[in-house]
Amino acid sequence: AGSTLTCIIVHPGRREVTAFNLGDSAAWMVPRDGSAATLLAEDHRLDTSEAERERVIALGGRLAHARGLSGEPGGPLRLWPGGGVGGAAQARVVGDSRLR
């Protein structure tokens, strides 16, 4: 159901790094000297981001776990588009028109 995207733009002249992402992908800057890595862009997973869950619910999204054959919920929390067909574990994707 869709794809994710992470983009990093380095502008040495300005000593600037710009990062953005969609979906279940994150970006880290890892220094060559072995010092601590810096998170540049967090993923948008519904099961780990309270802010993302709140954003989706405020926009009218329906969140629930998929159900197995026995009817028990399982797997990651998912966003269900209208009609209840399918479900994505991230709220921001590229290429899945059902999840706009």
PDB file of N, CA and C in Angstrom:
ATOM      1  N   ALA A   1       0.847  -1.184   0.000  1.00  0.00           N
ATOM      2  CA  ALA A   1       0.000   0.000   0.000  1.00  0.00           C
ATOM      3  C   ALA A   1       0.879   1.227   0.000  1.00  0.00           C
ATOM      4  N   GLY A   2       1.291   1.668  -1.159  1.00  0.00           N
ATOM      5  CA  GLY A   2       2.065   2.900  -1.253  1.00  0.00           C
ATOM      6  C   GLY A   2       3.541   2.688  -1.013  1.00  0.00           C
ATOM      7  N   SER A   3       4.263   3.760  -0.930  1.00  0.00           N
ATOM      8  CA  SER A   3       5.708   3.761  -0.724  1.00  0.00           C
ATOM      9  C   SER A   3       6.067   4.824   0.293  1.00  0.00           C
ATOM     10  N   THR A   4       7.292   4.768   0.768  1.00  0.00           N
ATOM     11  CA  THR A   4       7.779   5.815   1.658  1.00  0.00           C
ATOM     12  C   THR A   4       8.897   6.572   0.964  1.00  0.00           C
ATOM     13  N   LEU A   5       9.232   7.728   1.504  1.00  0.00           N
ATOM     14  CA  LEU A   5      10.233   8.583   0.878  1.00  0.00           C
ATOM     15  C   LEU A   5      11.000   9.332   1.954  1.00  0.00           C
ATOM     16  N   THR A   6      12.311   9.364   1.828  1.00  0.00           N
ATOM     17  CA  THR A   6      13.160  10.201   2.672  1.00  0.00           C
ATOM     18  C   THR A   6      14.120  10.928   1.757  1.00  0.00           C
ATOM     19  N   CYS A   7      14.265  12.228   1.954  1.00  0.00           N
ATOM     20  CA  CYS A   7      15.154  13.030   1.121  1.00  0.00           C
ATOM     21  C   CYS A   7      16.046  13.882   2.026  1.00  0.00           C
ATOM     22  N   ILE A   8      17.332  13.892   1.743  1.00  0.00           N
ATOM     23  CA  ILE A   8      18.304  14.688   2.484  1.00  0.00           C
ATOM     24  C   ILE A   8      19.005  15.604   1.477  1.00  0.00           C
ATOM     25  N   ILE A   9      19.031  16.882   1.785  1.00  0.00           N
ATOM     26  CA  ILE A   9      19.710  17.860   0.926  1.00  0.00           C
ATOM     27  C   ILE A   9      20.819  18.501   1.751  1.00  0.00           C
ATOM     28  N   VAL A  10      22.061  18.393   1.249  1.00  0.00           N
ATOM     29  CA  VAL A  10      23.216  18.976   1.938  1.00  0.00           C
ATOM     30  C   VAL A  10      23.676  20.193   1.144  1.00  0.00           C
ATOM     31  N   HIS A  11      23.775  21.336   1.835  1.00  0.00           N
ATOM     32  CA  HIS A  11      24.241  22.570   1.205  1.00  0.00           C
ATOM     33  C   HIS A  11      25.502  23.014   1.947  1.00  0.00           C
ATOM     34  N   PRO A  12      26.688  22.552   1.486  1.00  0.00           N
ATOM     35  CA  PRO A  12      27.932  22.856   2.205  1.00  0.00           C
ATOM     36  C   PRO A  12      28.223  24.352   2.331  1.00  0.00           C
ATOM     37  N   GLY A  13      27.897  25.121   1.300  1.00  0.00           N
ATOM     38  CA  GLY A  13      28.168  26.553   1.349  1.00  0.00           C
ATOM     39  C   GLY A  13      27.457  27.255   2.504  1.00  0.00           C
ATOM     40  N   ARG A  14      26.277  26.792   2.834  1.00  0.00           N
ATOM     41  CA  ARG A  14      25.506  27.362   3.950  1.00  0.00           C
ATOM     42  C   ARG A  14      25.723  26.594   5.247  1.00  0.00           C
ATOM     43  N   ARG A  15      26.475  25.481   5.145  1.00  0.00           N
ATOM     44  CA  ARG A  15      26.649  24.577   6.297  1.00  0.00           C
ATOM     45  C   ARG A  15      25.270  24.167   6.825  1.00  0.00           C
ATOM     46  N   GLU A  16      24.443  23.675   5.878  1.00  0.00           N
ATOM     47  CA  GLU A  16      23.036  23.394   6.177  1.00  0.00           C
ATOM     48  C   GLU A  16      22.649  22.021   5.635  1.00  0.00           C
ATOM     49  N   VAL A  17      21.825  21.316   6.414  1.00  0.00           N
ATOM     50  CA  VAL A  17      21.261  20.035   5.988  1.00  0.00           C
ATOM     51  C   VAL A  17      19.747  20.139   6.133  1.00  0.00           C
ATOM     52  N   THR A  18      19.023  19.760   5.088  1.00  0.00           N
ATOM     53  CA  THR A  18      17.559  19.751   5.130  1.00  0.00           C
ATOM     54  C   THR A  18      17.103  18.315   4.933  1.00  0.00           C
ATOM     55  N   ALA A  19      16.148  17.871   5.761  1.00  0.00           N
ATOM     56  CA  ALA A  19      15.625  16.504   5.662  1.00  0.00           C
ATOM     57  C   ALA A  19      14.108  16.533   5.700  1.00  0.00           C
ATOM     58  N   PHE A  20      13.492  15.666   4.884  1.00  0.00           N
ATOM     59  CA  PHE A  20      12.044  15.478   4.987  1.00  0.00           C
ATOM     60  C   PHE A  20      11.720  14.046   4.607  1.00  0.00           C
ATOM     61  N   ASN A  21      10.572  13.588   5.081  1.00  0.00           N
ATOM     62  CA  ASN A  21      10.191  12.215   4.803  1.00  0.00           C
ATOM     63  C   ASN A  21       8.685  12.043   4.833  1.00  0.00           C
ATOM     64  N   LEU A  22       8.237  10.950   4.241  1.00  0.00           N
ATOM     65  CA  LEU A  22       6.843  10.508   4.268  1.00  0.00           C
ATOM     66  C   LEU A  22       6.838   9.033   4.601  1.00  0.00           C
ATOM     67  N   GLY A  23       5.952   8.638   5.489  1.00  0.00           N
ATOM     68  CA  GLY A  23       5.756   7.224   5.758  1.00  0.00           C
ATOM     69  C   GLY A  23       6.714   6.636   6.763  1.00  0.00           C
ATOM     70  N   ASP A  24       6.911   5.339   6.654  1.00  0.00           N
ATOM     71  CA  ASP A  24       7.665   4.555   7.619  1.00  0.00           C
ATOM     72  C   ASP A  24       9.147   4.564   7.267  1.00  0.00           C
ATOM     73  N   SER A  25       9.740   5.729   7.337  1.00  0.00           N
ATOM     74  CA  SER A  25      11.177   5.852   7.086  1.00  0.00           C
ATOM     75  C   SER A  25      11.698   6.993   7.941  1.00  0.00           C
ATOM     76  N   ALA A  26      12.912   6.864   8.386  1.00  0.00           N
ATOM     77  CA  ALA A  26      13.529   7.890   9.217  1.00  0.00           C
ATOM     78  C   ALA A  26      14.884   8.243   8.614  1.00  0.00           C
ATOM     79  N   ALA A  27      15.444   9.365   9.044  1.00  0.00           N
ATOM     80  CA  ALA A  27      16.751   9.787   8.554  1.00  0.00           C
ATOM     81  C   ALA A  27      17.646  10.125   9.744  1.00  0.00           C
ATOM     82  N   TRP A  28      18.859   9.595   9.714  1.00  0.00           N
ATOM     83  CA  TRP A  28      19.839   9.852  10.769  1.00  0.00           C
ATOM     84  C   TRP A  28      21.111  10.427  10.150  1.00  0.00           C
ATOM     85  N   MET A  29      21.731  11.373  10.840  1.00  0.00           N
ATOM     86  CA  MET A  29      23.049  11.868  10.445  1.00  0.00           C
ATOM     87  C   MET A  29      24.062  11.211  11.388  1.00  0.00           C
ATOM     88  N   VAL A  30      24.988  10.466  10.794  1.00  0.00           N
ATOM     89  CA  VAL A  30      25.970   9.727  11.585  1.00  0.00           C
ATOM     90  C   VAL A  30      27.349  10.318  11.303  1.00  0.00           C
ATOM     91  N   PRO A  31      27.944  10.986  12.285  1.00  0.00           N
ATOM     92  CA  PRO A  31      29.264  11.599  12.085  1.00  0.00           C
ATOM     93  C   PRO A  31      30.358  10.560  11.847  1.00  0.00           C
ATOM     94  N   ARG A  32      31.330  10.912  11.041  1.00  0.00           N
ATOM     95  CA  ARG A  32      32.450  10.019  10.754  1.00  0.00           C
ATOM     96  C   ARG A  32      33.316   9.759  11.979  1.00  0.00           C
ATOM     97  N   ASP A  33      33.325  10.698  12.916  1.00  0.00           N
ATOM     98  CA  ASP A  33      34.201  10.568  14.083  1.00  0.00           C
ATOM     99  C   ASP A  33      33.651   9.634  15.160  1.00  0.00           C
ATOM    100  N   GLY A  34      32.503   9.027  14.920  1.00  0.00           N
ATOM    101  CA  GLY A  34      31.944   8.090  15.875  1.00  0.00           C
ATOM    102  C   GLY A  34      31.130   8.729  16.985  1.00  0.00           C
ATOM    103  N   SER A  35      30.949  10.047  16.952  1.00  0.00           N
ATOM    104  CA  SER A  35      30.135  10.705  17.975  1.00  0.00           C
ATOM    105  C   SER A  35      28.660  10.380  17.748  1.00  0.00           C
ATOM    106  N   ALA A  36      27.827  10.839  18.644  1.00  0.00           N
ATOM    107  CA  ALA A  36      26.406  10.472  18.637  1.00  0.00           C
ATOM    108  C   ALA A  36      25.703  10.856  17.337  1.00  0.00           C
ATOM    109  N   ALA A  37      24.853   9.953  16.865  1.00  0.00           N
ATOM    110  CA  ALA A  37      24.040  10.205  15.669  1.00  0.00           C
ATOM    111  C   ALA A  37      22.892  11.145  16.026  1.00  0.00           C
ATOM    112  N   THR A  38      22.422  11.881  15.029  1.00  0.00           N
ATOM    113  CA  THR A  38      21.320  12.831  15.212  1.00  0.00           C
ATOM    114  C   THR A  38      20.150  12.428  14.329  1.00  0.00           C
ATOM    115  N   LEU A  39      18.964  12.320  14.930  1.00  0.00           N
ATOM    116  CA  LEU A  39      17.760  12.024  14.166  1.00  0.00           C
ATOM    117  C   LEU A  39      17.343  13.279  13.405  1.00  0.00           C
ATOM    118  N   LEU A  40      17.244  13.183  12.079  1.00  0.00           N
ATOM    119  CA  LEU A  40      16.887  14.335  11.253  1.00  0.00           C
ATOM    120  C   LEU A  40      15.404  14.347  10.895  1.00  0.00           C
ATOM    121  N   ALA A  41      14.803  13.182  10.726  1.00  0.00           N
ATOM    122  CA  ALA A  41      13.394  13.092  10.339  1.00  0.00           C
ATOM    123  C   ALA A  41      12.818  11.802  10.903  1.00  0.00           C
ATOM    124  N   GLU A  42      11.757  11.906  11.666  1.00  0.00           N
ATOM    125  CA  GLU A  42      11.127  10.741  12.289  1.00  0.00           C
ATOM    126  C   GLU A  42      10.151  10.069  11.335  1.00  0.00           C
ATOM    127  N   ASP A  43       9.937   8.767  11.556  1.00  0.00           N
ATOM    128  CA  ASP A  43       8.947   8.084  10.735  1.00  0.00           C
ATOM    129  C   ASP A  43       7.539   8.474  11.189  1.00  0.00           C
ATOM    130  N   HIS A  44       6.557   8.100  10.396  1.00  0.00           N
ATOM    131  CA  HIS A  44       5.162   8.448  10.677  1.00  0.00           C
ATOM    132  C   HIS A  44       4.340   7.213  11.028  1.00  0.00           C
ATOM    133  N   ARG A  45       4.944   6.281  11.727  1.00  0.00           N
ATOM    134  CA  ARG A  45       4.235   5.050  12.106  1.00  0.00           C
ATOM    135  C   ARG A  45       3.170   5.350  13.147  1.00  0.00           C
ATOM    136  N   LEU A  46       2.002   4.829  12.918  1.00  0.00           N
ATOM    137  CA  LEU A  46       0.875   5.081  13.816  1.00  0.00           C
ATOM    138  C   LEU A  46       1.038   4.401  15.165  1.00  0.00           C
ATOM    139  N   ASP A  47       1.716   3.262  15.198  1.00  0.00           N
ATOM    140  CA  ASP A  47       1.839   2.553  16.468  1.00  0.00           C
ATOM    141  C   ASP A  47       2.912   3.134  17.379  1.00  0.00           C
ATOM    142  N   THR A  48       3.748   4.051  16.877  1.00  0.00           N
ATOM    143  CA  THR A  48       4.803   4.619  17.720  1.00  0.00           C
ATOM    144  C   THR A  48       4.711   6.132  17.891  1.00  0.00           C
ATOM    145  N   SER A  49       3.849   6.805  17.150  1.00  0.00           N
ATOM    146  CA  SER A  49       3.783   8.267  17.204  1.00  0.00           C
ATOM    147  C   SER A  49       2.402   8.756  17.647  1.00  0.00           C
ATOM    148  N   GLU A  50       2.329   9.206  18.891  1.00  0.00           N
ATOM    149  CA  GLU A  50       1.061   9.746  19.396  1.00  0.00           C
ATOM    150  C   GLU A  50       0.627  10.969  18.596  1.00  0.00           C
ATOM    151  N   ALA A  51       1.583  11.821  18.239  1.00  0.00           N
ATOM    152  CA  ALA A  51       1.257  13.025  17.465  1.00  0.00           C
ATOM    153  C   ALA A  51       0.640  12.657  16.118  1.00  0.00           C
ATOM    154  N   GLU A  52       1.151  11.595  15.494  1.00  0.00           N
ATOM    155  CA  GLU A  52       0.619  11.174  14.194  1.00  0.00           C
ATOM    156  C   GLU A  52      -0.793  10.599  14.353  1.00  0.00           C
ATOM    157  N   ARG A  53      -1.020   9.833  15.417  1.00  0.00           N
ATOM    158  CA  ARG A  53      -2.369   9.303  15.668  1.00  0.00           C
ATOM    159  C   ARG A  53      -3.360  10.443  15.877  1.00  0.00           C
ATOM    160  N   GLU A  54      -2.984  11.436  16.676  1.00  0.00           N
ATOM    161  CA  GLU A  54      -3.861  12.578  16.935  1.00  0.00           C
ATOM    162  C   GLU A  54      -4.160  13.343  15.653  1.00  0.00           C
ATOM    163  N   ARG A  55      -3.145  13.528  14.800  1.00  0.00           N
ATOM    164  CA  ARG A  55      -3.323  14.244  13.533  1.00  0.00           C
ATOM    165  C   ARG A  55      -4.319  13.519  12.639  1.00  0.00           C
ATOM    166  N   VAL A  56      -4.178  12.197  12.525  1.00  0.00           N
ATOM    167  CA  VAL A  56      -5.047  11.402  11.663  1.00  0.00           C
ATOM    168  C   VAL A  56      -6.488  11.409  12.176  1.00  0.00           C
ATOM    169  N   ILE A  57      -6.666  11.248  13.461  1.00  0.00           N
ATOM    170  CA  ILE A  57      -8.013  11.241  14.046  1.00  0.00           C
ATOM    171  C   ILE A  57      -8.681  12.598  13.858  1.00  0.00           C
ATOM    172  N   ALA A  58      -7.920  13.686  14.036  1.00  0.00           N
ATOM    173  CA  ALA A  58      -8.465  15.036  13.847  1.00  0.00           C
ATOM    174  C   ALA A  58      -8.931  15.257  12.408  1.00  0.00           C
ATOM    175  N   LEU A  59      -8.321  14.537  11.456  1.00  0.00           N
ATOM    176  CA  LEU A  59      -8.704  14.647  10.040  1.00  0.00           C
ATOM    177  C   LEU A  59      -9.800  13.653   9.660  1.00  0.00           C
ATOM    178  N   GLY A  60     -10.322  12.917  10.642  1.00  0.00           N
ATOM    179  CA  GLY A  60     -11.411  11.982  10.379  1.00  0.00           C
ATOM    180  C   GLY A  60     -10.979  10.569  10.060  1.00  0.00           C
ATOM    181  N   GLY A  61      -9.705  10.246  10.253  1.00  0.00           N
ATOM    182  CA  GLY A  61      -9.219   8.901   9.969  1.00  0.00           C
ATOM    183  C   GLY A  61      -9.710   7.886  10.986  1.00  0.00           C
ATOM    184  N   ARG A  62      -9.806   6.632  10.558  1.00  0.00           N
ATOM    185  CA  ARG A  62     -10.214   5.538  11.447  1.00  0.00           C
ATOM    186  C   ARG A  62      -9.010   4.641  11.676  1.00  0.00           C
ATOM    187  N   LEU A  63      -8.648   4.446  12.942  1.00  0.00           N
ATOM    188  CA  LEU A  63      -7.488   3.642  13.301  1.00  0.00           C
ATOM    189  C   LEU A  63      -7.930   2.364  13.990  1.00  0.00           C
ATOM    190  N   ALA A  64      -7.336   1.249  13.599  1.00  0.00           N
ATOM    191  CA  ALA A  64      -7.632  -0.044  14.220  1.00  0.00           C
ATOM    192  C   ALA A  64      -6.584  -1.059  13.777  1.00  0.00           C
ATOM    193  N   HIS A  65      -6.461  -2.128  14.548  1.00  0.00           N
ATOM    194  CA  HIS A  65      -5.594  -3.234  14.156  1.00  0.00           C
ATOM    195  C   HIS A  65      -6.353  -4.122  13.169  1.00  0.00           C
ATOM    196  N   ALA A  66      -5.615  -4.767  12.292  1.00  0.00           N
ATOM    197  CA  ALA A  66      -6.223  -5.766  11.408  1.00  0.00           C
ATOM    198  C   ALA A  66      -6.698  -6.928  12.280  1.00  0.00           C
ATOM    199  N   ARG A  67      -7.638  -7.678  11.782  1.00  0.00           N
ATOM    200  CA  ARG A  67      -8.159  -8.835  12.521  1.00  0.00           C
ATOM    201  C   ARG A  67      -7.842 -10.112  11.750  1.00  0.00           C
ATOM    202  N   GLY A  68      -7.411 -11.107  12.490  1.00  0.00           N
ATOM    203  CA  GLY A  68      -7.107 -12.404  11.887  1.00  0.00           C
ATOM    204  C   GLY A  68      -8.368 -13.210  11.644  1.00  0.00           C
ATOM    205  N   LEU A  69      -8.205 -14.423  11.172  1.00  0.00           N
ATOM    206  CA  LEU A  69      -9.342 -15.298  10.882  1.00  0.00           C
ATOM    207  C   LEU A  69     -10.188 -15.570  12.120  1.00  0.00           C
ATOM    208  N   SER A  70      -9.553 -15.557  13.303  1.00  0.00           N
ATOM    209  CA  SER A  70     -10.286 -15.804  14.546  1.00  0.00           C
ATOM    210  C   SER A  70     -10.986 -14.551  15.063  1.00  0.00           C
ATOM    211  N   GLY A  71     -10.747 -13.414  14.403  1.00  0.00           N
ATOM    212  CA  GLY A  71     -11.356 -12.158  14.818  1.00  0.00           C
ATOM    213  C   GLY A  71     -10.544 -11.378  15.833  1.00  0.00           C
ATOM    214  N   GLU A  72      -9.404 -11.927  16.250  1.00  0.00           N
ATOM    215  CA  GLU A  72      -8.544 -11.243  17.212  1.00  0.00           C
ATOM    216  C   GLU A  72      -7.698 -10.185  16.501  1.00  0.00           C
ATOM    217  N   PRO A  73      -7.561  -8.980  17.115  1.00  0.00           N
ATOM    218  CA  PRO A  73      -6.716  -7.957  16.503  1.00  0.00           C
ATOM    219  C   PRO A  73      -5.248  -8.352  16.569  1.00  0.00           C
ATOM    220  N   GLY A  74      -4.494  -7.934  15.565  1.00  0.00           N
ATOM    221  CA  GLY A  74      -3.070  -8.243  15.546  1.00  0.00           C
ATOM    222  C   GLY A  74      -2.319  -7.313  14.618  1.00  0.00           C
ATOM    223  N   GLY A  75      -1.019  -7.371  14.705  1.00  0.00           N
ATOM    224  CA  GLY A  75      -0.169  -6.539  13.858  1.00  0.00           C
ATOM    225  C   GLY A  75      -0.167  -5.092  14.303  1.00  0.00           C
ATOM    226  N   PRO A  76       0.457  -4.232  13.507  1.00  0.00           N
ATOM    227  CA  PRO A  76       0.556  -2.821  13.877  1.00  0.00           C
ATOM    228  C   PRO A  76      -0.779  -2.095  13.729  1.00  0.00           C
ATOM    229  N   LEU A  77      -0.912  -0.980  14.414  1.00  0.00           N
ATOM    230  CA  LEU A  77      -2.071  -0.119  14.265  1.00  0.00           C
ATOM    231  C   LEU A  77      -2.111   0.371  12.821  1.00  0.00           C
ATOM    232  N   ARG A  78      -3.297   0.429  12.225  1.00  0.00           N
ATOM    233  CA  ARG A  78      -3.423   0.797  10.815  1.00  0.00           C
ATOM    234  C   ARG A  78      -4.454   1.897  10.604  1.00  0.00           C
ATOM    235  N   LEU A  79      -4.271   2.647   9.526  1.00  0.00           N
ATOM    236  CA  LEU A  79      -5.237   3.636   9.050  1.00  0.00           C
ATOM    237  C   LEU A  79      -6.095   2.938   8.007  1.00  0.00           C
ATOM    238  N   TRP A  80      -7.423   2.986   8.217  1.00  0.00           N
ATOM    239  CA  TRP A  80      -8.359   2.329   7.294  1.00  0.00           C
ATOM    240  C   TRP A  80      -9.082   3.383   6.480  1.00  0.00           C
ATOM    241  N   PRO A  81      -8.927   3.348   5.154  1.00  0.00           N
ATOM    242  CA  PRO A  81      -9.630   4.303   4.296  1.00  0.00           C
ATOM    243  C   PRO A  81     -11.118   3.974   4.228  1.00  0.00           C
ATOM    244  N   GLY A  82     -11.888   4.847   3.608  1.00  0.00           N
ATOM    245  CA  GLY A  82     -13.320   4.605   3.439  1.00  0.00           C
ATOM    246  C   GLY A  82     -13.590   3.246   2.820  1.00  0.00           C
ATOM    247  N   GLY A  83     -14.614   2.583   3.285  1.00  0.00           N
ATOM    248  CA  GLY A  83     -14.951   1.266   2.781  1.00  0.00           C
ATOM    249  C   GLY A  83     -14.257   0.149   3.528  1.00  0.00           C
ATOM    250  N   GLY A  84     -13.257   0.482   4.366  1.00  0.00           N
ATOM    251  CA  GLY A  84     -12.591  -0.518   5.188  1.00  0.00           C
ATOM    252  C   GLY A  84     -11.730  -1.501   4.432  1.00  0.00           C
ATOM    253  N   VAL A  85     -11.391  -1.198   3.182  1.00  0.00           N
ATOM    254  CA  VAL A  85     -10.572  -2.109   2.394  1.00  0.00           C
ATOM    255  C   VAL A  85      -9.105  -1.774   2.622  1.00  0.00           C
ATOM    256  N   GLY A  86      -8.321  -2.773   2.951  1.00  0.00           N
ATOM    257  CA  GLY A  86      -6.900  -2.555   3.185  1.00  0.00           C
ATOM    258  C   GLY A  86      -6.652  -1.783   4.459  1.00  0.00           C
ATOM    259  N   GLY A  87      -5.460  -1.355   4.658  1.00  0.00           N
ATOM    260  CA  GLY A  87      -5.090  -0.604   5.838  1.00  0.00           C
ATOM    261  C   GLY A  87      -3.592  -0.391   5.813  1.00  0.00           C
ATOM    262  N   ALA A  88      -3.145   0.812   6.119  1.00  0.00           N
ATOM    263  CA  ALA A  88      -1.718   1.127   6.072  1.00  0.00           C
ATOM    264  C   ALA A  88      -1.193   1.372   7.474  1.00  0.00           C
ATOM    265  N   ALA A  89       0.020   0.888   7.757  1.00  0.00           N
ATOM    266  CA  ALA A  89       0.633   1.039   9.071  1.00  0.00           C
ATOM    267  C   ALA A  89       1.279   2.412   9.238  1.00  0.00           C
ATOM    268  N   GLN A  90       1.276   3.232   8.206  1.00  0.00           N
ATOM    269  CA  GLN A  90       1.743   4.615   8.319  1.00  0.00           C
ATOM    270  C   GLN A  90       0.691   5.517   7.692  1.00  0.00           C
ATOM    271  N   ALA A  91       0.654   6.755   8.136  1.00  0.00           N
ATOM    272  CA  ALA A  91      -0.413   7.654   7.701  1.00  0.00           C
ATOM    273  C   ALA A  91      -0.012   8.535   6.523  1.00  0.00           C
ATOM    274  N   ARG A  92       1.238   8.530   6.161  1.00  0.00           N
ATOM    275  CA  ARG A  92       1.692   9.369   5.047  1.00  0.00           C
ATOM    276  C   ARG A  92       2.417   8.467   4.066  1.00  0.00           C
ATOM    277  N   VAL A  93       1.838   8.304   2.895  1.00  0.00           N
ATOM    278  CA  VAL A  93       2.433   7.437   1.889  1.00  0.00           C
ATOM    279  C   VAL A  93       2.471   8.147   0.549  1.00  0.00           C
ATOM    280  N   VAL A  94       3.284   7.629  -0.327  1.00  0.00           N
ATOM    281  CA  VAL A  94       3.381   8.130  -1.701  1.00  0.00           C
ATOM    282  C   VAL A  94       2.825   7.042  -2.601  1.00  0.00           C
ATOM    283  N   GLY A  95       1.821   7.365  -3.420  1.00  0.00           N
ATOM    284  CA  GLY A  95       1.375   6.430  -4.439  1.00  0.00           C
ATOM    285  C   GLY A  95       0.160   5.589  -4.098  1.00  0.00           C
ATOM    286  N   ASP A  96      -0.520   5.828  -3.005  1.00  0.00           N
ATOM    287  CA  ASP A  96      -1.727   5.068  -2.696  1.00  0.00           C
ATOM    288  C   ASP A  96      -2.889   6.030  -2.600  1.00  0.00           C
ATOM    289  N   SER A  97      -3.632   6.209  -3.683  1.00  0.00           N
ATOM    290  CA  SER A  97      -4.686   7.211  -3.740  1.00  0.00           C
ATOM    291  C   SER A  97      -5.834   6.947  -2.761  1.00  0.00           C
ATOM    292  N   ARG A  98      -6.006   5.683  -2.317  1.00  0.00           N
ATOM    293  CA  ARG A  98      -7.073   5.397  -1.351  1.00  0.00           C
ATOM    294  C   ARG A  98      -6.812   6.045   0.003  1.00  0.00           C
ATOM    295  N   LEU A  99      -5.552   6.382   0.284  1.00  0.00           N
ATOM    296  CA  LEU A  99      -5.186   6.904   1.605  1.00  0.00           C
ATOM    297  C   LEU A  99      -4.926   8.398   1.606  1.00  0.00           C
ATOM    298  N   ARG A 100      -5.467   9.102   0.655  1.00  0.00           N
ATOM    299  CA  ARG A 100      -5.269  10.550   0.601  1.00  0.00           C
ATOM    300  C   ARG A 100      -5.925  11.227   1.759  1.00  0.00           C
TER     301      ARG A 100
END
